[in-house]
Amino acid sequence: MTNETTSKLWSAVKLELSCEFMKPNFRDKLRNKLLTIKQTSEYAGYVGKFRKSNCIVQVDSMTAMKLSLFRFF
């Protein structure tokens, strides 16, 4: 069984490993994907994809807010 602390620690380890071994243009491709992501199914799936991508690319908070707001209009 895992608890919340273990889960967060494992997520941090996975992020560090992926940053260490990913291709040099990975962040650019992911940033472009983040800027063009569209909601095609349920809201929870969209938010999950957005948060995962934003965690890796780390778009500033104002841009992230604008992206998440304007996708619904």
C-alpha atoms as a PDB file:
ATOM      1  CA  MET A   1       0.000   0.000   0.000  1.00  0.00           C
ATOM      2  CA  THR A   2       1.148   3.531  -0.698  1.00  0.00           C
ATOM      3  CA  ASN A   3       0.310   6.684   1.117  1.00  0.00           C
ATOM      4  CA  GLU A   4       0.178  10.242  -0.193  1.00  0.00           C
ATOM      5  CA  THR A   5       3.795  11.025   0.737  1.00  0.00           C
ATOM      6  CA  THR A   6       5.095   7.949  -1.077  1.00  0.00           C
ATOM      7  CA  SER A   7       3.005   8.803  -4.111  1.00  0.00           C
ATOM      8  CA  LYS A   8       4.333  12.380  -4.237  1.00  0.00           C
ATOM      9  CA  LEU A   9       7.918  11.188  -3.785  1.00  0.00           C
ATOM     10  CA  TRP A  10       7.543   8.645  -6.585  1.00  0.00           C
ATOM     11  CA  SER A  11       6.070  11.335  -8.870  1.00  0.00           C
ATOM     12  CA  ALA A  12       9.056  13.579  -8.150  1.00  0.00           C
ATOM     13  CA  VAL A  13      11.506  10.751  -8.894  1.00  0.00           C
ATOM     14  CA  LYS A  14       9.744   9.938 -12.184  1.00  0.00           C
ATOM     15  CA  LEU A  15       9.842  13.621 -13.192  1.00  0.00           C
ATOM     16  CA  GLU A  16      13.564  13.920 -12.429  1.00  0.00           C
ATOM     17  CA  LEU A  17      14.344  10.729 -14.345  1.00  0.00           C
ATOM     18  CA  SER A  18      12.319  11.797 -17.358  1.00  0.00           C
ATOM     19  CA  CYS A  19      14.039  15.203 -17.387  1.00  0.00           C
ATOM     20  CA  GLU A  20      17.440  13.505 -17.219  1.00  0.00           C
ATOM     21  CA  PHE A  21      16.823  11.072 -20.087  1.00  0.00           C
ATOM     22  CA  MET A  22      14.367  12.832 -22.423  1.00  0.00           C
ATOM     23  CA  LYS A  23      15.300  14.134 -25.863  1.00  0.00           C
ATOM     24  CA  PRO A  24      16.581  17.747 -26.053  1.00  0.00           C
ATOM     25  CA  ASN A  25      13.520  19.035 -27.946  1.00  0.00           C
ATOM     26  CA  PHE A  26      11.048  17.169 -25.711  1.00  0.00           C
ATOM     27  CA  ARG A  27      10.078  20.293 -23.743  1.00  0.00           C
ATOM     28  CA  ASP A  28       9.482  22.316 -26.919  1.00  0.00           C
ATOM     29  CA  LYS A  29       7.241  19.610 -28.355  1.00  0.00           C
ATOM     30  CA  LEU A  30       5.370  19.252 -25.078  1.00  0.00           C
ATOM     31  CA  ARG A  31       4.936  23.039 -24.772  1.00  0.00           C
ATOM     32  CA  ASN A  32       3.431  23.148 -28.274  1.00  0.00           C
ATOM     33  CA  LYS A  33       1.151  20.245 -27.384  1.00  0.00           C
ATOM     34  CA  LEU A  34       0.108  22.019 -24.181  1.00  0.00           C
ATOM     35  CA  LEU A  35      -0.729  25.189 -26.090  1.00  0.00           C
ATOM     36  CA  THR A  36      -2.938  23.266 -28.528  1.00  0.00           C
ATOM     37  CA  ILE A  37      -4.587  20.733 -26.178  1.00  0.00           C
ATOM     38  CA  LYS A  38      -8.344  20.465 -26.662  1.00  0.00           C
ATOM     39  CA  GLN A  39     -11.037  18.934 -24.537  1.00  0.00           C
ATOM     40  CA  THR A  40     -12.355  15.956 -26.510  1.00  0.00           C
ATOM     41  CA  SER A  41     -13.758  13.834 -23.711  1.00  0.00           C
ATOM     42  CA  GLU A  42     -14.639  14.256 -20.067  1.00  0.00           C
ATOM     43  CA  TYR A  43     -13.366  17.228 -18.104  1.00  0.00           C
ATOM     44  CA  ALA A  44     -11.269  15.150 -15.686  1.00  0.00           C
ATOM     45  CA  GLY A  45      -9.228  13.673 -18.540  1.00  0.00           C
ATOM     46  CA  TYR A  46      -8.547  17.108 -20.005  1.00  0.00           C
ATOM     47  CA  VAL A  47      -7.469  18.516 -16.645  1.00  0.00           C
ATOM     48  CA  GLY A  48      -5.234  15.505 -16.019  1.00  0.00           C
ATOM     49  CA  LYS A  49      -3.442  15.911 -19.351  1.00  0.00           C
ATOM     50  CA  PHE A  50      -3.124  19.652 -18.810  1.00  0.00           C
ATOM     51  CA  ARG A  51      -1.671  19.283 -15.298  1.00  0.00           C
ATOM     52  CA  LYS A  52       0.762  16.551 -16.327  1.00  0.00           C
ATOM     53  CA  SER A  53       2.064  18.583 -19.263  1.00  0.00           C
ATOM     54  CA  ASN A  54       2.165  21.802 -17.257  1.00  0.00           C
ATOM     55  CA  CYS A  55       4.142  20.090 -14.495  1.00  0.00           C
ATOM     56  CA  ILE A  56       6.898  19.146 -16.925  1.00  0.00           C
ATOM     57  CA  VAL A  57       6.926  22.306 -19.050  1.00  0.00           C
ATOM     58  CA  GLN A  58       6.088  24.703 -16.194  1.00  0.00           C
ATOM     59  CA  VAL A  59       4.167  27.383 -18.054  1.00  0.00           C
ATOM     60  CA  ASP A  60       3.749  30.534 -15.975  1.00  0.00           C
ATOM     61  CA  SER A  61       0.548  30.720 -13.928  1.00  0.00           C
ATOM     62  CA  MET A  62      -1.105  33.520 -15.946  1.00  0.00           C
ATOM     63  CA  THR A  63      -0.652  31.640 -19.236  1.00  0.00           C
ATOM     64  CA  ALA A  64      -1.887  28.412 -17.648  1.00  0.00           C
ATOM     65  CA  MET A  65      -4.983  30.187 -16.345  1.00  0.00           C
ATOM     66  CA  LYS A  66      -5.714  31.726 -19.756  1.00  0.00           C
ATOM     67  CA  LEU A  67      -5.237  28.377 -21.492  1.00  0.00           C
ATOM     68  CA  SER A  68      -7.561  26.555 -19.137  1.00  0.00           C
ATOM     69  CA  LEU A  69     -10.233  29.276 -19.268  1.00  0.00           C
ATOM     70  CA  PHE A  70     -10.336  29.837 -23.011  1.00  0.00           C
ATOM     71  CA  ARG A  71     -10.600  26.149 -23.921  1.00  0.00           C
ATOM     72  CA  PHE A  72     -14.235  26.137 -22.789  1.00  0.00           C
ATOM     73  CA  PHE A  73     -15.494  29.064 -24.889  1.00  0.00           C
END
